[in-house]
Every structure is written in structure tokens, then in C-alpha cells.
């Protein structure tokens, strides 16, 4: 009996963090007042329309993941609604302009986070995006493009460091310092 009780307690405690995270973000987005629904979503988060109007659908795993900024994710999805990227029936406007609208939503979200003093979340997203590298995937902007956009729109400095600095000119070594 003790073993069953202990097992149930461990399962409950293990899910408590995820349940608390879902409860914290389900309801209404603080940046734009749009409904937030936590349910399985292969895209992590989506700005869409349903029979009740604008909605942000967020995967429970994203809300339980403390390594990403959930606040930035919600602000980013809110931006898609505010910037007119979502039209009736949940379809995206401008399907050929994914990179442009993703960077616009990142910029809007960065400004929203600055206005509400979520500086840690901004730093976390810049770092996370930068770690994704310079290559575009699936028509989306590269991580470096996104990190630069978030930093610029938040008024922060960000430069992608080069792996090996390349000197402009090879320095001359005086004759007395050369090895013989």
C-alpha cells in the first residue's frame, strides 16, 4: 500500500510543474488579450482562428519547458494576430513570406517584452536563437537572423562571433624575431 501511495505521489509531483506551467499560461495572453489554449501542437505554438475568434494554441511540452521563454513564445504568437498574419479559418496571409513575417513577429515580441521588463526572457531567446546557427530550415529564418532581430528590436547589441577571426593583413615579423 505504501509503495502504491509513494508511486502516485511521485507521478503527481512530476506532473505538477507541467500542470502549473499550463495553468499559468492558459487563458488569455497578457500582451494582446487573445485566448490561449494548451493542447498538443506539433508546431509548439500557433496563432490561428477558431469558431470563437483569435486563439493561440500552445503545446503542453512547450509550456513545461523551462529552457525556452514561454513569455516570448506567447508574445510572438500574439504578434502574428496583431500584425495581420492570420486571416479567417486559421490560414496564414502571405504564405510566400514566412521569413519576413516570422522576423516581424520576433521584433514585435521583443518590443513587448522590453515594455514589460522581461529582460531575462529576451536574453534567453537571443541565446537560444543564436545557438540554432546561420542556416534557414523549412523556409523559416535562421537562428542567427532571429537573434539579431530580437536584439535589434529590444535595443540590445548582438553580433555573431566568428569561429576564427581572419586578420585583414598578415602581420610582418621583424627579422630579429624570426626563428632560424
C-alpha atoms as a PDB file:
ATOM      1  CA  UNK A   1       0.000   0.000   0.000  1.00  0.00           C
ATOM      2  CA  UNK A   2       2.823   2.397   0.879  1.00  0.00           C
ATOM      3  CA  UNK A   3       4.500   1.623  -2.408  1.00  0.00           C
ATOM      4  CA  UNK A   4       1.356   2.477  -4.426  1.00  0.00           C
ATOM      5  CA  UNK A   5       0.891   5.711  -2.477  1.00  0.00           C
ATOM      6  CA  UNK A   6       4.534   6.685  -2.998  1.00  0.00           C
ATOM      7  CA  UNK A   7       4.346   5.907  -6.741  1.00  0.00           C
ATOM      8  CA  UNK A   8       1.207   8.031  -7.124  1.00  0.00           C
ATOM      9  CA  UNK A   9       2.821  10.847  -5.152  1.00  0.00           C
ATOM     10  CA  UNK A  10       5.902  10.785  -7.390  1.00  0.00           C
ATOM     11  CA  UNK A  11       3.762  10.795 -10.548  1.00  0.00           C
ATOM     12  CA  UNK A  12       1.684  13.677  -9.236  1.00  0.00           C
ATOM     13  CA  UNK A  13       4.722  15.716  -8.184  1.00  0.00           C
ATOM     14  CA  UNK A  14       6.457  15.016 -11.505  1.00  0.00           C
ATOM     15  CA  UNK A  15       3.481  16.355 -13.451  1.00  0.00           C
ATOM     16  CA  UNK A  16       2.864  19.254 -11.085  1.00  0.00           C
ATOM     17  CA  UNK A  17       5.454  21.519 -12.738  1.00  0.00           C
ATOM     18  CA  UNK A  18       3.946  20.981 -16.168  1.00  0.00           C
ATOM     19  CA  UNK A  19       0.395  21.422 -14.843  1.00  0.00           C
ATOM     20  CA  UNK A  20       1.393  24.649 -13.071  1.00  0.00           C
ATOM     21  CA  UNK A  21       3.062  25.942 -16.235  1.00  0.00           C
ATOM     22  CA  UNK A  22      -0.029  25.149 -18.293  1.00  0.00           C
ATOM     23  CA  UNK A  23      -2.308  26.828 -15.771  1.00  0.00           C
ATOM     24  CA  UNK A  24      -0.020  29.869 -15.677  1.00  0.00           C
ATOM     25  CA  UNK A  25      -0.281  30.449 -19.439  1.00  0.00           C
ATOM     26  CA  UNK A  26      -3.675  29.019 -20.373  1.00  0.00           C
ATOM     27  CA  UNK A  27      -6.447  31.603 -20.529  1.00  0.00           C
ATOM     28  CA  UNK A  28      -5.602  34.999 -22.009  1.00  0.00           C
ATOM     29  CA  UNK A  29      -2.373  36.325 -23.461  1.00  0.00           C
ATOM     30  CA  UNK A  30      -1.157  39.281 -21.402  1.00  0.00           C
ATOM     31  CA  UNK A  31       0.195  41.090 -24.467  1.00  0.00           C
ATOM     32  CA  UNK A  32      -2.946  41.212 -26.564  1.00  0.00           C
ATOM     33  CA  UNK A  33      -5.828  39.619 -24.677  1.00  0.00           C
ATOM     34  CA  UNK A  34      -6.162  36.686 -27.063  1.00  0.00           C
ATOM     35  CA  UNK A  35      -7.272  33.301 -25.759  1.00  0.00           C
ATOM     36  CA  UNK A  36      -4.531  30.763 -25.078  1.00  0.00           C
ATOM     37  CA  UNK A  37      -5.371  27.063 -25.297  1.00  0.00           C
ATOM     38  CA  UNK A  38      -2.892  24.433 -24.147  1.00  0.00           C
ATOM     39  CA  UNK A  39      -3.242  21.279 -26.235  1.00  0.00           C
ATOM     40  CA  UNK A  40      -0.955  19.054 -28.346  1.00  0.00           C
ATOM     41  CA  UNK A  41       0.556  21.094 -31.162  1.00  0.00           C
ATOM     42  CA  UNK A  42       3.323  19.763 -33.455  1.00  0.00           C
ATOM     43  CA  UNK A  43       4.438  23.348 -34.194  1.00  0.00           C
ATOM     44  CA  UNK A  44       4.935  24.136 -30.470  1.00  0.00           C
ATOM     45  CA  UNK A  45       2.746  27.249 -30.723  1.00  0.00           C
ATOM     46  CA  UNK A  46       0.377  28.565 -33.384  1.00  0.00           C
ATOM     47  CA  UNK A  47      -1.596  31.748 -33.916  1.00  0.00           C
ATOM     48  CA  UNK A  48      -4.876  30.783 -35.527  1.00  0.00           C
ATOM     49  CA  UNK A  49      -8.631  31.380 -35.632  1.00  0.00           C
ATOM     50  CA  UNK A  50     -11.345  29.036 -34.432  1.00  0.00           C
ATOM     51  CA  UNK A  51     -15.140  29.275 -34.192  1.00  0.00           C
ATOM     52  CA  UNK A  52     -14.788  31.745 -31.270  1.00  0.00           C
ATOM     53  CA  UNK A  53     -12.225  34.038 -32.893  1.00  0.00           C
ATOM     54  CA  UNK A  54      -8.466  34.542 -32.487  1.00  0.00           C
ATOM     55  CA  UNK A  55      -6.642  31.935 -30.427  1.00  0.00           C
ATOM     56  CA  UNK A  56      -3.079  30.904 -29.603  1.00  0.00           C
ATOM     57  CA  UNK A  57      -2.626  27.133 -29.341  1.00  0.00           C
ATOM     58  CA  UNK A  58       0.407  26.040 -27.349  1.00  0.00           C
ATOM     59  CA  UNK A  59       1.765  22.526 -26.860  1.00  0.00           C
ATOM     60  CA  UNK A  60       1.866  21.370 -23.210  1.00  0.00           C
ATOM     61  CA  UNK A  61       5.521  20.372 -23.646  1.00  0.00           C
ATOM     62  CA  UNK A  62       6.428  23.948 -24.594  1.00  0.00           C
ATOM     63  CA  UNK A  63       4.759  25.335 -21.502  1.00  0.00           C
ATOM     64  CA  UNK A  64       6.566  22.808 -19.305  1.00  0.00           C
ATOM     65  CA  UNK A  65       9.968  23.507 -20.901  1.00  0.00           C
ATOM     66  CA  UNK A  66      11.857  25.957 -18.702  1.00  0.00           C
ATOM     67  CA  UNK A  67      14.772  26.332 -21.147  1.00  0.00           C
ATOM     68  CA  UNK A  68      12.795  28.481 -23.570  1.00  0.00           C
ATOM     69  CA  UNK A  69      10.970  31.708 -22.912  1.00  0.00           C
ATOM     70  CA  UNK A  70       7.306  30.844 -22.801  1.00  0.00           C
ATOM     71  CA  UNK A  71       6.556  34.533 -22.414  1.00  0.00           C
ATOM     72  CA  UNK A  72       8.396  35.302 -25.663  1.00  0.00           C
ATOM     73  CA  UNK A  73       6.555  32.440 -27.396  1.00  0.00           C
ATOM     74  CA  UNK A  74       3.178  33.874 -26.402  1.00  0.00           C
ATOM     75  CA  UNK A  75       4.193  37.417 -27.359  1.00  0.00           C
ATOM     76  CA  UNK A  76       5.463  36.117 -30.720  1.00  0.00           C
ATOM     77  CA  UNK A  77       2.174  34.342 -31.465  1.00  0.00           C
ATOM     78  CA  UNK A  78       0.227  37.392 -30.299  1.00  0.00           C
ATOM     79  CA  UNK A  79       2.259  39.424 -32.784  1.00  0.00           C
ATOM     80  CA  UNK A  80       1.050  37.249 -35.657  1.00  0.00           C
ATOM     81  CA  UNK A  81      -2.514  38.240 -34.736  1.00  0.00           C
ATOM     82  CA  UNK A  82      -1.703  41.932 -34.190  1.00  0.00           C
ATOM     83  CA  UNK A  83       0.283  42.214 -37.420  1.00  0.00           C
ATOM     84  CA  UNK A  84      -2.469  40.650 -39.545  1.00  0.00           C
ATOM     85  CA  UNK A  85      -0.581  37.471 -40.397  1.00  0.00           C
ATOM     86  CA  UNK A  86      -3.610  35.314 -39.529  1.00  0.00           C
ATOM     87  CA  UNK A  87      -6.837  35.508 -41.503  1.00  0.00           C
ATOM     88  CA  UNK A  88     -10.190  33.696 -41.271  1.00  0.00           C
ATOM     89  CA  UNK A  89     -10.263  29.919 -40.962  1.00  0.00           C
ATOM     90  CA  UNK A  90      -6.797  29.854 -39.461  1.00  0.00           C
ATOM     91  CA  UNK A  91      -4.982  30.393 -42.738  1.00  0.00           C
ATOM     92  CA  UNK A  92      -1.863  32.475 -42.885  1.00  0.00           C
ATOM     93  CA  UNK A  93      -1.818  35.535 -45.077  1.00  0.00           C
ATOM     94  CA  UNK A  94       1.228  35.865 -47.358  1.00  0.00           C
ATOM     95  CA  UNK A  95       2.237  32.165 -47.403  1.00  0.00           C
ATOM     96  CA  UNK A  96       5.290  33.025 -49.537  1.00  0.00           C
ATOM     97  CA  UNK A  97       6.689  35.435 -46.913  1.00  0.00           C
ATOM     98  CA  UNK A  98       7.389  33.164 -43.932  1.00  0.00           C
ATOM     99  CA  UNK A  99      10.823  34.641 -43.176  1.00  0.00           C
ATOM    100  CA  UNK A 100       9.550  38.213 -43.285  1.00  0.00           C
ATOM    101  CA  UNK A 101       6.550  37.633 -41.021  1.00  0.00           C
ATOM    102  CA  UNK A 102       8.488  35.494 -38.531  1.00  0.00           C
ATOM    103  CA  UNK A 103      11.068  38.264 -38.138  1.00  0.00           C
ATOM    104  CA  UNK A 104       8.282  40.851 -37.833  1.00  0.00           C
ATOM    105  CA  UNK A 105       6.644  38.768 -35.082  1.00  0.00           C
ATOM    106  CA  UNK A 106      10.010  38.353 -33.330  1.00  0.00           C
ATOM    107  CA  UNK A 107      10.530  42.125 -33.424  1.00  0.00           C
ATOM    108  CA  UNK A 108       7.040  42.848 -32.093  1.00  0.00           C
ATOM    109  CA  UNK A 109       7.541  40.295 -29.304  1.00  0.00           C
ATOM    110  CA  UNK A 110      10.945  41.768 -28.390  1.00  0.00           C
ATOM    111  CA  UNK A 111       9.450  45.245 -28.068  1.00  0.00           C
ATOM    112  CA  UNK A 112       6.558  43.892 -25.998  1.00  0.00           C
ATOM    113  CA  UNK A 113       8.986  42.178 -23.625  1.00  0.00           C
ATOM    114  CA  UNK A 114      11.077  45.346 -23.287  1.00  0.00           C
ATOM    115  CA  UNK A 115       7.928  47.301 -22.431  1.00  0.00           C
ATOM    116  CA  UNK A 116       7.078  44.809 -19.683  1.00  0.00           C
ATOM    117  CA  UNK A 117      10.699  44.435 -18.466  1.00  0.00           C
ATOM    118  CA  UNK A 118      11.104  40.737 -19.341  1.00  0.00           C
ATOM    119  CA  UNK A 119      14.829  41.184 -19.947  1.00  0.00           C
ATOM    120  CA  UNK A 120      15.837  37.657 -18.893  1.00  0.00           C
ATOM    121  CA  UNK A 121      13.415  36.179 -21.368  1.00  0.00           C
ATOM    122  CA  UNK A 122      14.879  38.361 -24.118  1.00  0.00           C
ATOM    123  CA  UNK A 123      18.407  37.258 -23.271  1.00  0.00           C
ATOM    124  CA  UNK A 124      17.296  33.627 -23.170  1.00  0.00           C
ATOM    125  CA  UNK A 125      15.685  33.868 -26.618  1.00  0.00           C
ATOM    126  CA  UNK A 126      18.652  35.662 -28.158  1.00  0.00           C
ATOM    127  CA  UNK A 127      20.962  32.959 -26.828  1.00  0.00           C
ATOM    128  CA  UNK A 128      18.646  30.133 -27.901  1.00  0.00           C
ATOM    129  CA  UNK A 129      18.209  31.553 -31.399  1.00  0.00           C
ATOM    130  CA  UNK A 130      21.955  32.178 -31.797  1.00  0.00           C
ATOM    131  CA  UNK A 131      22.638  28.534 -30.891  1.00  0.00           C
ATOM    132  CA  UNK A 132      20.465  27.415 -33.829  1.00  0.00           C
ATOM    133  CA  UNK A 133      23.075  28.723 -36.258  1.00  0.00           C
ATOM    134  CA  UNK A 134      23.159  30.602 -39.561  1.00  0.00           C
ATOM    135  CA  UNK A 135      21.143  28.235 -41.755  1.00  0.00           C
ATOM    136  CA  UNK A 136      17.468  28.544 -42.653  1.00  0.00           C
ATOM    137  CA  UNK A 137      15.267  25.475 -42.198  1.00  0.00           C
ATOM    138  CA  UNK A 138      11.838  24.809 -43.656  1.00  0.00           C
ATOM    139  CA  UNK A 139      11.529  28.297 -45.061  1.00  0.00           C
ATOM    140  CA  UNK A 140      11.957  29.885 -41.620  1.00  0.00           C
ATOM    141  CA  UNK A 141      14.641  32.439 -40.735  1.00  0.00           C
ATOM    142  CA  UNK A 142      17.951  31.182 -39.369  1.00  0.00           C
ATOM    143  CA  UNK A 143      18.617  31.289 -35.656  1.00  0.00           C
ATOM    144  CA  UNK A 144      21.218  34.000 -36.159  1.00  0.00           C
ATOM    145  CA  UNK A 145      18.766  36.150 -38.142  1.00  0.00           C
ATOM    146  CA  UNK A 146      16.227  35.760 -35.363  1.00  0.00           C
ATOM    147  CA  UNK A 147      18.760  36.510 -32.596  1.00  0.00           C
ATOM    148  CA  UNK A 148      19.884  39.662 -34.427  1.00  0.00           C
ATOM    149  CA  UNK A 149      16.283  40.791 -34.968  1.00  0.00           C
ATOM    150  CA  UNK A 150      15.292  40.260 -31.336  1.00  0.00           C
ATOM    151  CA  UNK A 151      18.403  42.070 -30.097  1.00  0.00           C
ATOM    152  CA  UNK A 152      17.958  44.990 -32.524  1.00  0.00           C
ATOM    153  CA  UNK A 153      14.269  45.440 -31.711  1.00  0.00           C
ATOM    154  CA  UNK A 154      14.965  45.226 -27.977  1.00  0.00           C
ATOM    155  CA  UNK A 155      17.732  47.813 -28.291  1.00  0.00           C
ATOM    156  CA  UNK A 156      20.479  45.345 -27.383  1.00  0.00           C
ATOM    157  CA  UNK A 157      23.796  44.695 -29.096  1.00  0.00           C
ATOM    158  CA  UNK A 158      24.331  41.329 -30.747  1.00  0.00           C
ATOM    159  CA  UNK A 159      26.984  40.226 -33.180  1.00  0.00           C
ATOM    160  CA  UNK A 160      27.517  36.658 -34.220  1.00  0.00           C
ATOM    161  CA  UNK A 161      31.098  35.849 -33.272  1.00  0.00           C
ATOM    162  CA  UNK A 162      33.224  34.307 -35.976  1.00  0.00           C
ATOM    163  CA  UNK A 163      34.746  30.941 -35.208  1.00  0.00           C
ATOM    164  CA  UNK A 164      38.227  32.101 -36.248  1.00  0.00           C
ATOM    165  CA  UNK A 165      38.974  35.787 -36.702  1.00  0.00           C
ATOM    166  CA  UNK A 166      40.605  36.465 -40.043  1.00  0.00           C
ATOM    167  CA  UNK A 167      43.234  39.222 -39.947  1.00  0.00           C
ATOM    168  CA  UNK A 168      42.933  41.874 -42.647  1.00  0.00           C
ATOM    169  CA  UNK A 169      46.631  41.791 -43.311  1.00  0.00           C
ATOM    170  CA  UNK A 170      49.248  39.261 -42.321  1.00  0.00           C
ATOM    171  CA  UNK A 171      51.483  40.989 -39.752  1.00  0.00           C
ATOM    172  CA  UNK A 172      55.148  41.282 -40.645  1.00  0.00           C
ATOM    173  CA  UNK A 173      57.585  39.755 -38.219  1.00  0.00           C
ATOM    174  CA  UNK A 174      60.842  41.699 -37.744  1.00  0.00           C
ATOM    175  CA  UNK A 175      63.945  39.828 -38.867  1.00  0.00           C
ATOM    176  CA  UNK A 176      65.328  39.664 -35.328  1.00  0.00           C
ATOM    177  CA  UNK A 177      62.257  37.717 -34.080  1.00  0.00           C
ATOM    178  CA  UNK A 178      62.228  35.057 -36.769  1.00  0.00           C
ATOM    179  CA  UNK A 179      63.188  31.532 -35.897  1.00  0.00           C
ATOM    180  CA  UNK A 180      66.207  30.167 -37.676  1.00  0.00           C
END
